[in-house]
Amino acid sequence: MLKYFKIPDFFHDVLGERQSALEVVCTIAFALVGSGVVYVLANVDINSWQSVVAYLLIADVLAGCIANFSFGTNEYYSARPKNRLRFITVHIHILVIAWLLAEPMTSAFIVWAYTIASAFLVNALKGKSYQGFVAANLMSYGLLLLIYLSLPAWFFAVCVFFMIKVLF
């Protein structure tokens, strides 16, 4: 059984009000390791403010991909539907990452628009028995979309984690 501890107010939107050490460590580890792998794949040197900001945003996307499946984060957003809508709305990460690292903005916009529209649809189904099924179906179509866009491997990976983070 996991022991939960109180999360500081500043981090509630990320980790909820309480979280286990295991979930926090796994979230941070994936953000750091995953971001490192993405940066090796992208062959980006962290030598400009653009690459540093992009690295932090990529780490945030990867951390959120894991954190959003944790008990504390799910509990927090389940009790706060308005916060969940705000969470979906503020996620422009993929657009900013593309801009900072000179990826095609058209592809980034398509991924962003599909993800946000899908997230709003999944959110509207809260409490329905088929919500998870619809989310998985939209995620699967999203993967086909990413394949169709022929993105570089690193950006493809970041887009996948972005979709998971926002859709689920």
N, C-alpha and C. Protein backbone atom coordinates (compact mmCIF):
# COMPACT_ATOMS: atom_id res chain seq x y z
N MET A 1 0.85 -1.19 0.00
CA MET A 1 0.00 0.00 0.00
C MET A 1 0.89 1.24 0.00
N LEU A 2 0.58 2.17 -0.87
CA LEU A 2 1.36 3.39 -0.98
C LEU A 2 0.97 4.39 0.10
N LYS A 3 1.98 5.07 0.63
CA LYS A 3 1.73 6.14 1.60
C LYS A 3 1.72 7.45 0.84
N TYR A 4 0.72 8.25 1.11
CA TYR A 4 0.57 9.53 0.42
C TYR A 4 0.97 10.67 1.33
N PHE A 5 1.50 11.72 0.72
CA PHE A 5 1.88 12.92 1.47
C PHE A 5 1.26 14.14 0.80
N LYS A 6 1.18 15.22 1.55
CA LYS A 6 0.56 16.45 1.07
C LYS A 6 1.50 17.15 0.08
N ILE A 7 0.94 17.61 -1.03
CA ILE A 7 1.67 18.33 -2.06
C ILE A 7 1.49 19.83 -1.80
N PRO A 8 2.55 20.62 -1.91
CA PRO A 8 2.39 22.08 -1.75
C PRO A 8 1.38 22.64 -2.76
N ASP A 9 0.64 23.67 -2.33
CA ASP A 9 -0.43 24.26 -3.14
C ASP A 9 0.02 24.60 -4.56
N PHE A 10 1.22 25.10 -4.72
CA PHE A 10 1.74 25.53 -6.01
C PHE A 10 1.73 24.40 -7.04
N PHE A 11 1.88 23.15 -6.58
CA PHE A 11 1.97 22.00 -7.48
C PHE A 11 0.67 21.21 -7.62
N HIS A 12 -0.44 21.71 -7.06
CA HIS A 12 -1.70 20.96 -7.11
C HIS A 12 -2.15 20.66 -8.53
N ASP A 13 -2.01 21.62 -9.45
CA ASP A 13 -2.45 21.39 -10.82
C ASP A 13 -1.60 20.34 -11.52
N VAL A 14 -0.43 20.06 -11.00
CA VAL A 14 0.46 19.06 -11.61
C VAL A 14 0.31 17.71 -10.93
N LEU A 15 0.32 17.71 -9.60
CA LEU A 15 0.35 16.44 -8.86
C LEU A 15 -0.86 16.20 -7.96
N GLY A 16 -1.79 17.12 -7.93
CA GLY A 16 -2.93 16.97 -7.04
C GLY A 16 -2.59 17.42 -5.63
N GLU A 17 -3.48 17.13 -4.69
CA GLU A 17 -3.29 17.57 -3.31
C GLU A 17 -2.44 16.60 -2.50
N ARG A 18 -2.43 15.36 -2.92
CA ARG A 18 -1.60 14.37 -2.23
C ARG A 18 -1.08 13.38 -3.25
N GLN A 19 0.06 12.82 -2.95
CA GLN A 19 0.73 11.96 -3.92
C GLN A 19 1.64 10.99 -3.16
N SER A 20 1.96 9.90 -3.79
CA SER A 20 2.89 8.95 -3.17
C SER A 20 4.30 9.24 -3.68
N ALA A 21 5.27 8.86 -2.88
CA ALA A 21 6.67 9.06 -3.27
C ALA A 21 6.97 8.29 -4.56
N LEU A 22 6.43 7.08 -4.69
CA LEU A 22 6.65 6.28 -5.89
C LEU A 22 6.17 7.02 -7.13
N GLU A 23 4.96 7.57 -7.07
CA GLU A 23 4.41 8.27 -8.23
C GLU A 23 5.21 9.53 -8.57
N VAL A 24 5.66 10.26 -7.57
CA VAL A 24 6.45 11.47 -7.81
C VAL A 24 7.80 11.10 -8.41
N VAL A 25 8.46 10.09 -7.85
CA VAL A 25 9.77 9.68 -8.36
C VAL A 25 9.65 9.17 -9.80
N CYS A 26 8.64 8.36 -10.07
CA CYS A 26 8.45 7.85 -11.43
C CYS A 26 8.16 8.98 -12.41
N THR A 27 7.37 9.94 -12.00
CA THR A 27 7.05 11.08 -12.85
C THR A 27 8.29 11.88 -13.19
N ILE A 28 9.09 12.21 -12.18
CA ILE A 28 10.32 12.98 -12.39
C ILE A 28 11.32 12.18 -13.21
N ALA A 29 11.47 10.91 -12.91
CA ALA A 29 12.43 10.07 -13.64
C ALA A 29 12.08 10.01 -15.12
N PHE A 30 10.80 9.80 -15.43
CA PHE A 30 10.40 9.73 -16.84
C PHE A 30 10.62 11.07 -17.54
N ALA A 31 10.31 12.16 -16.85
CA ALA A 31 10.52 13.49 -17.45
C ALA A 31 11.99 13.70 -17.78
N LEU A 32 12.88 13.33 -16.88
CA LEU A 32 14.31 13.54 -17.11
C LEU A 32 14.89 12.58 -18.14
N VAL A 33 14.62 11.30 -17.97
CA VAL A 33 15.15 10.30 -18.91
C VAL A 33 14.54 10.50 -20.30
N GLY A 34 13.22 10.68 -20.35
CA GLY A 34 12.55 10.87 -21.63
C GLY A 34 13.03 12.12 -22.35
N SER A 35 13.19 13.21 -21.63
CA SER A 35 13.68 14.44 -22.24
C SER A 35 15.10 14.26 -22.76
N GLY A 36 15.90 13.54 -22.01
CA GLY A 36 17.27 13.27 -22.47
C GLY A 36 17.26 12.47 -23.76
N VAL A 37 16.43 11.45 -23.83
CA VAL A 37 16.33 10.64 -25.05
C VAL A 37 15.85 11.49 -26.22
N VAL A 38 14.83 12.32 -25.98
CA VAL A 38 14.31 13.18 -27.04
C VAL A 38 15.41 14.12 -27.54
N TYR A 39 16.16 14.69 -26.64
CA TYR A 39 17.20 15.63 -27.05
C TYR A 39 18.34 14.94 -27.79
N VAL A 40 18.66 13.71 -27.43
CA VAL A 40 19.67 12.96 -28.18
C VAL A 40 19.15 12.67 -29.59
N LEU A 41 17.88 12.23 -29.68
CA LEU A 41 17.27 11.97 -30.99
C LEU A 41 17.20 13.23 -31.85
N ALA A 42 16.89 14.35 -31.22
CA ALA A 42 16.74 15.60 -31.96
C ALA A 42 18.08 16.25 -32.25
N ASN A 43 19.12 15.76 -31.58
CA ASN A 43 20.47 16.31 -31.76
C ASN A 43 20.48 17.82 -31.48
N VAL A 44 19.87 18.21 -30.37
CA VAL A 44 19.79 19.61 -29.98
C VAL A 44 20.76 19.89 -28.85
N ASP A 45 21.57 20.90 -29.04
CA ASP A 45 22.45 21.36 -27.97
C ASP A 45 21.69 22.38 -27.13
N ILE A 46 21.86 22.29 -25.84
CA ILE A 46 21.20 23.26 -24.97
C ILE A 46 22.14 24.45 -24.82
N ASN A 47 22.17 25.28 -25.87
CA ASN A 47 23.08 26.42 -25.86
C ASN A 47 22.37 27.73 -26.18
N SER A 48 21.05 27.72 -26.21
CA SER A 48 20.29 28.95 -26.44
C SER A 48 19.06 28.93 -25.54
N TRP A 49 18.49 30.10 -25.35
CA TRP A 49 17.29 30.15 -24.51
C TRP A 49 16.16 29.35 -25.13
N GLN A 50 16.09 29.29 -26.47
CA GLN A 50 15.03 28.54 -27.13
C GLN A 50 15.12 27.05 -26.82
N SER A 51 16.33 26.51 -26.88
CA SER A 51 16.48 25.08 -26.62
C SER A 51 16.26 24.75 -25.14
N VAL A 52 16.63 25.66 -24.25
CA VAL A 52 16.41 25.44 -22.81
C VAL A 52 14.91 25.44 -22.51
N VAL A 53 14.19 26.43 -23.05
CA VAL A 53 12.74 26.50 -22.82
C VAL A 53 12.05 25.28 -23.44
N ALA A 54 12.46 24.90 -24.65
CA ALA A 54 11.88 23.72 -25.29
C ALA A 54 12.13 22.47 -24.44
N TYR A 55 13.35 22.34 -23.91
CA TYR A 55 13.68 21.18 -23.08
C TYR A 55 12.76 21.14 -21.85
N LEU A 56 12.53 22.29 -21.22
CA LEU A 56 11.65 22.34 -20.05
C LEU A 56 10.21 21.99 -20.42
N LEU A 57 9.76 22.46 -21.57
CA LEU A 57 8.40 22.12 -22.01
C LEU A 57 8.26 20.65 -22.35
N ILE A 58 9.29 20.09 -22.98
CA ILE A 58 9.26 18.65 -23.28
C ILE A 58 9.24 17.85 -21.97
N ALA A 59 10.05 18.26 -21.00
CA ALA A 59 10.04 17.59 -19.70
C ALA A 59 8.66 17.69 -19.06
N ASP A 60 8.00 18.83 -19.19
CA ASP A 60 6.66 19.01 -18.64
C ASP A 60 5.66 18.08 -19.33
N VAL A 61 5.75 17.97 -20.64
CA VAL A 61 4.85 17.07 -21.38
C VAL A 61 5.05 15.64 -20.89
N LEU A 62 6.29 15.20 -20.78
CA LEU A 62 6.57 13.83 -20.36
C LEU A 62 6.18 13.59 -18.92
N ALA A 63 6.44 14.56 -18.05
CA ALA A 63 6.03 14.42 -16.64
C ALA A 63 4.51 14.31 -16.53
N GLY A 64 3.82 15.16 -17.26
CA GLY A 64 2.36 15.14 -17.23
C GLY A 64 1.77 13.87 -17.77
N CYS A 65 2.45 13.29 -18.75
CA CYS A 65 1.99 12.02 -19.33
C CYS A 65 1.92 10.95 -18.25
N ILE A 66 2.86 10.96 -17.33
CA ILE A 66 2.87 9.98 -16.24
C ILE A 66 1.99 10.44 -15.07
N ALA A 67 2.16 11.70 -14.66
CA ALA A 67 1.44 12.23 -13.50
C ALA A 67 -0.07 12.14 -13.66
N ASN A 68 -0.56 12.32 -14.88
CA ASN A 68 -2.01 12.31 -15.08
C ASN A 68 -2.64 10.94 -14.84
N PHE A 69 -1.82 9.91 -14.72
CA PHE A 69 -2.34 8.58 -14.39
C PHE A 69 -2.20 8.27 -12.90
N SER A 70 -1.66 9.20 -12.13
CA SER A 70 -1.48 8.96 -10.70
C SER A 70 -2.80 9.18 -9.96
N PHE A 71 -2.89 8.57 -8.80
CA PHE A 71 -4.09 8.68 -7.98
C PHE A 71 -4.36 10.13 -7.59
N GLY A 72 -3.34 10.81 -7.10
CA GLY A 72 -3.52 12.18 -6.61
C GLY A 72 -3.97 13.14 -7.68
N THR A 73 -3.38 13.06 -8.86
CA THR A 73 -3.76 13.96 -9.95
C THR A 73 -5.17 13.66 -10.44
N ASN A 74 -5.50 12.38 -10.59
CA ASN A 74 -6.86 12.01 -10.99
C ASN A 74 -7.90 12.47 -9.98
N GLU A 75 -7.61 12.26 -8.73
CA GLU A 75 -8.52 12.67 -7.65
C GLU A 75 -8.74 14.19 -7.68
N TYR A 76 -7.66 14.93 -7.87
CA TYR A 76 -7.72 16.40 -7.89
C TYR A 76 -8.62 16.89 -9.02
N TYR A 77 -8.40 16.41 -10.23
CA TYR A 77 -9.18 16.88 -11.37
C TYR A 77 -10.60 16.33 -11.39
N SER A 78 -10.82 15.17 -10.82
CA SER A 78 -12.18 14.63 -10.74
C SER A 78 -13.08 15.52 -9.88
N ALA A 79 -12.49 16.11 -8.86
CA ALA A 79 -13.25 16.98 -7.96
C ALA A 79 -13.36 18.42 -8.48
N ARG A 80 -12.64 18.75 -9.56
CA ARG A 80 -12.60 20.12 -10.07
C ARG A 80 -12.77 20.17 -11.58
N PRO A 81 -13.99 20.03 -12.07
CA PRO A 81 -14.22 20.01 -13.52
C PRO A 81 -13.75 21.29 -14.23
N LYS A 82 -13.86 22.44 -13.59
CA LYS A 82 -13.40 23.69 -14.22
C LYS A 82 -11.88 23.68 -14.39
N ASN A 83 -11.17 23.13 -13.42
CA ASN A 83 -9.71 23.03 -13.53
C ASN A 83 -9.33 22.10 -14.68
N ARG A 84 -10.10 21.06 -14.88
CA ARG A 84 -9.82 20.12 -15.97
C ARG A 84 -9.98 20.83 -17.32
N LEU A 85 -11.03 21.65 -17.47
CA LEU A 85 -11.22 22.41 -18.70
C LEU A 85 -10.08 23.41 -18.91
N ARG A 86 -9.66 24.05 -17.84
CA ARG A 86 -8.53 24.99 -17.93
C ARG A 86 -7.26 24.23 -18.30
N PHE A 87 -7.07 23.04 -17.73
CA PHE A 87 -5.91 22.20 -18.05
C PHE A 87 -5.84 21.94 -19.55
N ILE A 88 -6.96 21.56 -20.13
CA ILE A 88 -7.00 21.28 -21.57
C ILE A 88 -6.69 22.55 -22.36
N THR A 89 -7.32 23.63 -21.99
CA THR A 89 -7.21 24.89 -22.72
C THR A 89 -5.80 25.46 -22.76
N VAL A 90 -5.06 25.36 -21.67
CA VAL A 90 -3.73 26.00 -21.60
C VAL A 90 -2.64 25.18 -22.27
N HIS A 91 -2.95 24.02 -22.76
CA HIS A 91 -1.90 23.16 -23.32
C HIS A 91 -1.58 23.48 -24.77
N ILE A 92 -0.71 24.48 -24.90
CA ILE A 92 -0.21 24.89 -26.21
C ILE A 92 1.25 24.44 -26.38
N HIS A 93 1.70 23.58 -25.49
CA HIS A 93 3.10 23.15 -25.44
C HIS A 93 3.65 22.73 -26.81
N ILE A 94 2.88 21.93 -27.53
CA ILE A 94 3.38 21.36 -28.78
C ILE A 94 3.62 22.46 -29.81
N LEU A 95 2.80 23.49 -29.78
CA LEU A 95 2.99 24.63 -30.68
C LEU A 95 4.27 25.40 -30.32
N VAL A 96 4.47 25.62 -29.05
CA VAL A 96 5.65 26.37 -28.61
C VAL A 96 6.93 25.57 -28.85
N ILE A 97 6.89 24.28 -28.58
CA ILE A 97 8.06 23.42 -28.83
C ILE A 97 8.42 23.45 -30.32
N ALA A 98 7.42 23.32 -31.17
CA ALA A 98 7.68 23.35 -32.61
C ALA A 98 8.30 24.68 -33.02
N TRP A 99 7.76 25.76 -32.51
CA TRP A 99 8.28 27.08 -32.84
C TRP A 99 9.72 27.25 -32.35
N LEU A 100 9.97 26.86 -31.11
CA LEU A 100 11.31 27.02 -30.52
C LEU A 100 12.37 26.19 -31.23
N LEU A 101 11.98 25.00 -31.70
CA LEU A 101 12.96 24.11 -32.32
C LEU A 101 12.79 24.01 -33.84
N ALA A 102 12.09 24.98 -34.41
CA ALA A 102 11.97 25.13 -35.86
C ALA A 102 11.38 23.91 -36.56
N GLU A 103 10.35 23.34 -35.96
CA GLU A 103 9.60 22.27 -36.62
C GLU A 103 8.44 22.91 -37.38
N PRO A 104 7.90 22.22 -38.38
CA PRO A 104 6.80 22.79 -39.17
C PRO A 104 5.59 23.13 -38.31
N MET A 105 5.20 24.38 -38.33
CA MET A 105 4.08 24.83 -37.51
C MET A 105 2.74 24.26 -37.98
N THR A 106 2.62 23.98 -39.26
CA THR A 106 1.37 23.41 -39.76
C THR A 106 1.12 22.05 -39.13
N SER A 107 2.14 21.20 -39.10
CA SER A 107 2.00 19.87 -38.48
C SER A 107 1.71 20.01 -36.99
N ALA A 108 2.42 20.92 -36.33
CA ALA A 108 2.20 21.13 -34.89
C ALA A 108 0.78 21.60 -34.63
N PHE A 109 0.27 22.48 -35.47
CA PHE A 109 -1.09 22.98 -35.29
C PHE A 109 -2.12 21.86 -35.49
N ILE A 110 -1.91 21.03 -36.48
CA ILE A 110 -2.82 19.91 -36.72
C ILE A 110 -2.85 18.98 -35.50
N VAL A 111 -1.68 18.65 -34.98
CA VAL A 111 -1.59 17.78 -33.80
C VAL A 111 -2.28 18.43 -32.61
N TRP A 112 -1.98 19.71 -32.39
CA TRP A 112 -2.56 20.44 -31.27
C TRP A 112 -4.09 20.47 -31.39
N ALA A 113 -4.61 20.88 -32.54
CA ALA A 113 -6.05 21.02 -32.73
C ALA A 113 -6.77 19.67 -32.54
N TYR A 114 -6.19 18.61 -33.11
CA TYR A 114 -6.79 17.29 -32.96
C TYR A 114 -6.81 16.87 -31.49
N THR A 115 -5.70 17.08 -30.81
CA THR A 115 -5.59 16.68 -29.40
C THR A 115 -6.56 17.45 -28.52
N ILE A 116 -6.62 18.75 -28.69
CA ILE A 116 -7.50 19.57 -27.85
C ILE A 116 -8.96 19.24 -28.12
N ALA A 117 -9.34 19.13 -29.38
CA ALA A 117 -10.72 18.77 -29.71
C ALA A 117 -11.08 17.40 -29.13
N SER A 118 -10.17 16.45 -29.25
CA SER A 118 -10.41 15.11 -28.70
C SER A 118 -10.53 15.15 -27.19
N ALA A 119 -9.69 15.94 -26.54
CA ALA A 119 -9.72 16.05 -25.08
C ALA A 119 -11.04 16.65 -24.60
N PHE A 120 -11.52 17.67 -25.30
CA PHE A 120 -12.81 18.25 -24.93
C PHE A 120 -13.93 17.24 -25.09
N LEU A 121 -13.89 16.44 -26.15
CA LEU A 121 -14.90 15.40 -26.35
C LEU A 121 -14.84 14.35 -25.24
N VAL A 122 -13.64 13.88 -24.93
CA VAL A 122 -13.48 12.88 -23.86
C VAL A 122 -13.96 13.46 -22.53
N ASN A 123 -13.63 14.70 -22.26
CA ASN A 123 -14.05 15.35 -21.02
C ASN A 123 -15.57 15.45 -20.94
N ALA A 124 -16.21 15.71 -22.06
CA ALA A 124 -17.67 15.82 -22.09
C ALA A 124 -18.35 14.49 -21.77
N LEU A 125 -17.62 13.40 -21.93
CA LEU A 125 -18.17 12.06 -21.65
C LEU A 125 -17.93 11.60 -20.22
N LYS A 126 -17.45 12.49 -19.34
CA LYS A 126 -17.13 12.11 -17.96
C LYS A 126 -18.33 11.39 -17.31
N GLY A 127 -18.02 10.26 -16.73
CA GLY A 127 -19.05 9.47 -16.06
C GLY A 127 -19.74 8.45 -16.95
N LYS A 128 -19.52 8.52 -18.23
CA LYS A 128 -20.11 7.55 -19.17
C LYS A 128 -19.24 6.31 -19.20
N SER A 129 -19.86 5.17 -19.33
CA SER A 129 -19.12 3.90 -19.31
C SER A 129 -18.17 3.76 -20.49
N TYR A 130 -18.42 4.45 -21.56
CA TYR A 130 -17.61 4.33 -22.77
C TYR A 130 -16.57 5.45 -22.92
N GLN A 131 -16.38 6.27 -21.89
CA GLN A 131 -15.41 7.36 -21.97
C GLN A 131 -14.00 6.85 -22.28
N GLY A 132 -13.54 5.83 -21.58
CA GLY A 132 -12.22 5.27 -21.81
C GLY A 132 -12.07 4.68 -23.21
N PHE A 133 -13.13 4.04 -23.68
CA PHE A 133 -13.12 3.47 -25.03
C PHE A 133 -12.98 4.57 -26.08
N VAL A 134 -13.74 5.64 -25.93
CA VAL A 134 -13.66 6.75 -26.87
C VAL A 134 -12.27 7.38 -26.83
N ALA A 135 -11.73 7.55 -25.63
CA ALA A 135 -10.39 8.13 -25.50
C ALA A 135 -9.35 7.25 -26.20
N ALA A 136 -9.42 5.95 -26.00
CA ALA A 136 -8.48 5.03 -26.65
C ALA A 136 -8.64 5.06 -28.16
N ASN A 137 -9.89 5.15 -28.62
CA ASN A 137 -10.16 5.22 -30.05
C ASN A 137 -9.57 6.51 -30.64
N LEU A 138 -9.79 7.63 -29.99
CA LEU A 138 -9.25 8.91 -30.47
C LEU A 138 -7.72 8.91 -30.42
N MET A 139 -7.15 8.30 -29.39
CA MET A 139 -5.70 8.21 -29.31
C MET A 139 -5.16 7.38 -30.47
N SER A 140 -5.83 6.31 -30.79
CA SER A 140 -5.41 5.45 -31.90
C SER A 140 -5.47 6.19 -33.23
N TYR A 141 -6.54 6.93 -33.45
CA TYR A 141 -6.61 7.74 -34.67
C TYR A 141 -5.53 8.83 -34.66
N GLY A 142 -5.26 9.34 -33.48
CA GLY A 142 -4.19 10.33 -33.36
C GLY A 142 -2.84 9.76 -33.76
N LEU A 143 -2.59 8.51 -33.40
CA LEU A 143 -1.33 7.86 -33.81
C LEU A 143 -1.27 7.72 -35.32
N LEU A 144 -2.39 7.37 -35.94
CA LEU A 144 -2.42 7.31 -37.41
C LEU A 144 -2.13 8.69 -38.02
N LEU A 145 -2.70 9.71 -37.41
CA LEU A 145 -2.45 11.07 -37.87
C LEU A 145 -0.95 11.41 -37.80
N LEU A 146 -0.32 11.05 -36.70
CA LEU A 146 1.11 11.32 -36.54
C LEU A 146 1.93 10.57 -37.58
N ILE A 147 1.56 9.34 -37.86
CA ILE A 147 2.26 8.57 -38.89
C ILE A 147 2.09 9.27 -40.25
N TYR A 148 0.89 9.70 -40.54
CA TYR A 148 0.60 10.38 -41.80
C TYR A 148 1.42 11.66 -41.95
N LEU A 149 1.63 12.39 -40.85
CA LEU A 149 2.36 13.65 -40.91
C LEU A 149 3.87 13.46 -41.12
N SER A 150 4.36 12.24 -40.99
CA SER A 150 5.79 11.94 -41.21
C SER A 150 6.71 12.88 -40.43
N LEU A 151 6.50 12.95 -39.15
CA LEU A 151 7.30 13.82 -38.28
C LEU A 151 8.66 13.18 -37.99
N PRO A 152 9.65 13.99 -37.66
CA PRO A 152 10.92 13.42 -37.19
C PRO A 152 10.65 12.57 -35.94
N ALA A 153 11.44 11.54 -35.72
CA ALA A 153 11.20 10.59 -34.61
C ALA A 153 11.04 11.28 -33.27
N TRP A 154 11.89 12.24 -32.97
CA TRP A 154 11.82 12.90 -31.66
C TRP A 154 10.53 13.69 -31.51
N PHE A 155 10.09 14.37 -32.58
CA PHE A 155 8.87 15.17 -32.50
C PHE A 155 7.64 14.26 -32.49
N PHE A 156 7.71 13.16 -33.21
CA PHE A 156 6.66 12.15 -33.18
C PHE A 156 6.47 11.68 -31.73
N ALA A 157 7.58 11.35 -31.05
CA ALA A 157 7.51 10.87 -29.66
C ALA A 157 6.90 11.93 -28.75
N VAL A 158 7.35 13.16 -28.87
CA VAL A 158 6.81 14.23 -28.02
C VAL A 158 5.31 14.41 -28.29
N CYS A 159 4.91 14.33 -29.55
CA CYS A 159 3.49 14.46 -29.89
C CYS A 159 2.66 13.32 -29.30
N VAL A 160 3.20 12.11 -29.31
CA VAL A 160 2.50 10.97 -28.70
C VAL A 160 2.29 11.23 -27.21
N PHE A 161 3.35 11.63 -26.52
CA PHE A 161 3.23 11.89 -25.08
C PHE A 161 2.30 13.07 -24.80
N PHE A 162 2.31 14.06 -25.67
CA PHE A 162 1.40 15.20 -25.54
C PHE A 162 -0.04 14.73 -25.65
N MET A 163 -0.32 13.89 -26.64
CA MET A 163 -1.68 13.37 -26.82
C MET A 163 -2.13 12.58 -25.59
N ILE A 164 -1.24 11.71 -25.11
CA ILE A 164 -1.59 10.92 -23.92
C ILE A 164 -1.86 11.83 -22.73
N LYS A 165 -0.99 12.80 -22.53
CA LYS A 165 -1.12 13.72 -21.41
C LYS A 165 -2.45 14.45 -21.42
N VAL A 166 -2.81 14.99 -22.57
CA VAL A 166 -4.01 15.84 -22.64
C VAL A 166 -5.29 15.03 -22.82
N LEU A 167 -5.23 13.96 -23.62
CA LEU A 167 -6.42 13.15 -23.87
C LEU A 167 -6.88 12.36 -22.64
N PHE A 168 -5.93 11.84 -21.88
CA PHE A 168 -6.30 11.00 -20.74
C PHE A 168 -6.20 11.78 -19.45
